[in-house]
Amino acid sequence: MAKVKWGLIALSIILGLTLGAILQEQVCSTAEQDLGTGTSVMKATCAILSIPIDLILLVVLLAGLIGYLIWDHYN
C-alpha cells in the first residue's frame, strides 16, 4: 500500500509540474497583449509563475522535512 502512495505522489508531482509549465506559458503569452487594466495583474501573475521550479521544489522539500521532524519529535 505504501508503494502505491509514493507512486501517486510522484505522478501528481509530475502532472502538476507539466500543467504548471503549460499554464505559465499561456499566462506569459497573454500578458504581452494589451489588456487594459488587467495587464499589470497578468504581468505579476507571469512573474510569480516564472519562479524556477527547482526553487519551489527545494522550499517544499524543506517544509516537508521540517514538518516531519516536528511531527516525529512530538509523537
C-alpha atoms as a PDB file:
ATOM      1  CA  MET A   1       0.000   0.000   0.000  1.00  0.00           C
ATOM      2  CA  ALA A   2       2.875   2.358   0.780  1.00  0.00           C
ATOM      3  CA  LYS A   3       4.357   1.840  -2.693  1.00  0.00           C
ATOM      4  CA  VAL A   4       1.074   2.882  -4.263  1.00  0.00           C
ATOM      5  CA  LYS A   5       1.038   6.043  -2.137  1.00  0.00           C
ATOM      6  CA  TRP A   6       4.564   7.027  -3.244  1.00  0.00           C
ATOM      7  CA  GLY A   7       3.681   6.284  -6.854  1.00  0.00           C
ATOM      8  CA  LEU A   8       0.634   8.516  -6.657  1.00  0.00           C
ATOM      9  CA  ILE A   9       2.682  11.280  -5.047  1.00  0.00           C
ATOM     10  CA  ALA A  10       5.286  11.074  -7.828  1.00  0.00           C
ATOM     11  CA  LEU A  11       2.588  11.013 -10.502  1.00  0.00           C
ATOM     12  CA  SER A  12       0.829  14.054  -9.058  1.00  0.00           C
ATOM     13  CA  ILE A  13       4.117  15.982  -8.847  1.00  0.00           C
ATOM     14  CA  ILE A  14       4.953  15.221 -12.475  1.00  0.00           C
ATOM     15  CA  LEU A  15       1.430  16.097 -13.590  1.00  0.00           C
ATOM     16  CA  GLY A  16       1.469  19.310 -11.560  1.00  0.00           C
ATOM     17  CA  LEU A  17       4.808  20.409 -12.988  1.00  0.00           C
ATOM     18  CA  THR A  18       3.636  19.708 -16.530  1.00  0.00           C
ATOM     19  CA  LEU A  19       0.368  21.596 -16.107  1.00  0.00           C
ATOM     20  CA  GLY A  20       2.194  24.440 -14.349  1.00  0.00           C
ATOM     21  CA  ALA A  21       4.586  24.829 -17.276  1.00  0.00           C
ATOM     22  CA  ILE A  22       1.689  24.946 -19.727  1.00  0.00           C
ATOM     23  CA  LEU A  23      -0.146  27.477 -17.569  1.00  0.00           C
ATOM     24  CA  GLN A  24       2.951  29.667 -17.226  1.00  0.00           C
ATOM     25  CA  GLU A  25       3.475  29.699 -20.991  1.00  0.00           C
ATOM     26  CA  GLN A  26      -0.135  30.668 -21.658  1.00  0.00           C
ATOM     27  CA  VAL A  27      -0.270  33.383 -18.992  1.00  0.00           C
ATOM     28  CA  CYS A  28       3.008  34.967 -20.097  1.00  0.00           C
ATOM     29  CA  SER A  29       1.963  34.988 -23.743  1.00  0.00           C
ATOM     30  CA  THR A  30      -1.344  36.607 -22.773  1.00  0.00           C
ATOM     31  CA  ALA A  31       0.443  39.175 -20.582  1.00  0.00           C
ATOM     32  CA  GLU A  32       2.260  40.505 -23.662  1.00  0.00           C
ATOM     33  CA  GLN A  33      -1.052  41.697 -25.141  1.00  0.00           C
ATOM     34  CA  ASP A  34      -2.741  44.972 -24.276  1.00  0.00           C
ATOM     35  CA  LEU A  35      -5.412  44.012 -21.753  1.00  0.00           C
ATOM     36  CA  GLY A  36      -6.187  47.448 -20.396  1.00  0.00           C
ATOM     37  CA  THR A  37      -6.390  47.426 -16.604  1.00  0.00           C
ATOM     38  CA  GLY A  38      -5.690  43.681 -16.425  1.00  0.00           C
ATOM     39  CA  THR A  39      -2.221  43.971 -17.958  1.00  0.00           C
ATOM     40  CA  SER A  40      -0.459  44.645 -14.660  1.00  0.00           C
ATOM     41  CA  VAL A  41      -2.226  41.720 -12.971  1.00  0.00           C
ATOM     42  CA  MET A  42      -1.275  39.371 -15.790  1.00  0.00           C
ATOM     43  CA  LYS A  43       2.349  40.548 -15.725  1.00  0.00           C
ATOM     44  CA  ALA A  44       2.501  39.990 -11.959  1.00  0.00           C
ATOM     45  CA  THR A  45       0.980  36.519 -12.387  1.00  0.00           C
ATOM     46  CA  CYS A  46       3.523  35.762 -15.101  1.00  0.00           C
ATOM     47  CA  ALA A  47       6.357  36.837 -12.783  1.00  0.00           C
ATOM     48  CA  ILE A  48       5.057  34.584  -9.998  1.00  0.00           C
ATOM     49  CA  LEU A  49       4.660  31.622 -12.344  1.00  0.00           C
ATOM     50  CA  SER A  50       8.173  32.176 -13.722  1.00  0.00           C
ATOM     51  CA  ILE A  51       9.840  31.336 -10.401  1.00  0.00           C
ATOM     52  CA  PRO A  52      12.227  28.455 -11.100  1.00  0.00           C
ATOM     53  CA  ILE A  53      10.713  25.062 -10.338  1.00  0.00           C
ATOM     54  CA  ASP A  54      13.920  23.953  -8.624  1.00  0.00           C
ATOM     55  CA  LEU A  55      13.490  26.689  -6.036  1.00  0.00           C
ATOM     56  CA  ILE A  56       9.849  25.762  -5.448  1.00  0.00           C
ATOM     57  CA  LEU A  57      10.715  22.080  -5.037  1.00  0.00           C
ATOM     58  CA  LEU A  58      13.507  22.953  -2.611  1.00  0.00           C
ATOM     59  CA  VAL A  59      11.139  25.020  -0.454  1.00  0.00           C
ATOM     60  CA  VAL A  60       8.503  22.260  -0.486  1.00  0.00           C
ATOM     61  CA  LEU A  61      11.142  19.647   0.389  1.00  0.00           C
ATOM     62  CA  LEU A  62      12.475  21.711   3.285  1.00  0.00           C
ATOM     63  CA  ALA A  63       8.971  22.452   4.582  1.00  0.00           C
ATOM     64  CA  GLY A  64       8.099  18.748   4.444  1.00  0.00           C
ATOM     65  CA  LEU A  65      11.320  17.777   6.203  1.00  0.00           C
ATOM     66  CA  ILE A  66      10.825  20.338   8.949  1.00  0.00           C
ATOM     67  CA  GLY A  67       7.185  19.298   9.354  1.00  0.00           C
ATOM     68  CA  TYR A  68       8.171  15.645   9.564  1.00  0.00           C
ATOM     69  CA  LEU A  69      10.842  16.359  12.173  1.00  0.00           C
ATOM     70  CA  ILE A  70       8.402  18.368  14.276  1.00  0.00           C
ATOM     71  CA  TRP A  71       5.758  15.647  13.974  1.00  0.00           C
ATOM     72  CA  ASP A  72       8.300  12.944  14.818  1.00  0.00           C
ATOM     73  CA  HIS A  73       9.541  14.904  17.845  1.00  0.00           C
ATOM     74  CA  TYR A  74       6.082  15.252  19.411  1.00  0.00           C
ATOM     75  CA  ASN A  75       4.918  11.687  18.705  1.00  0.00           C
END
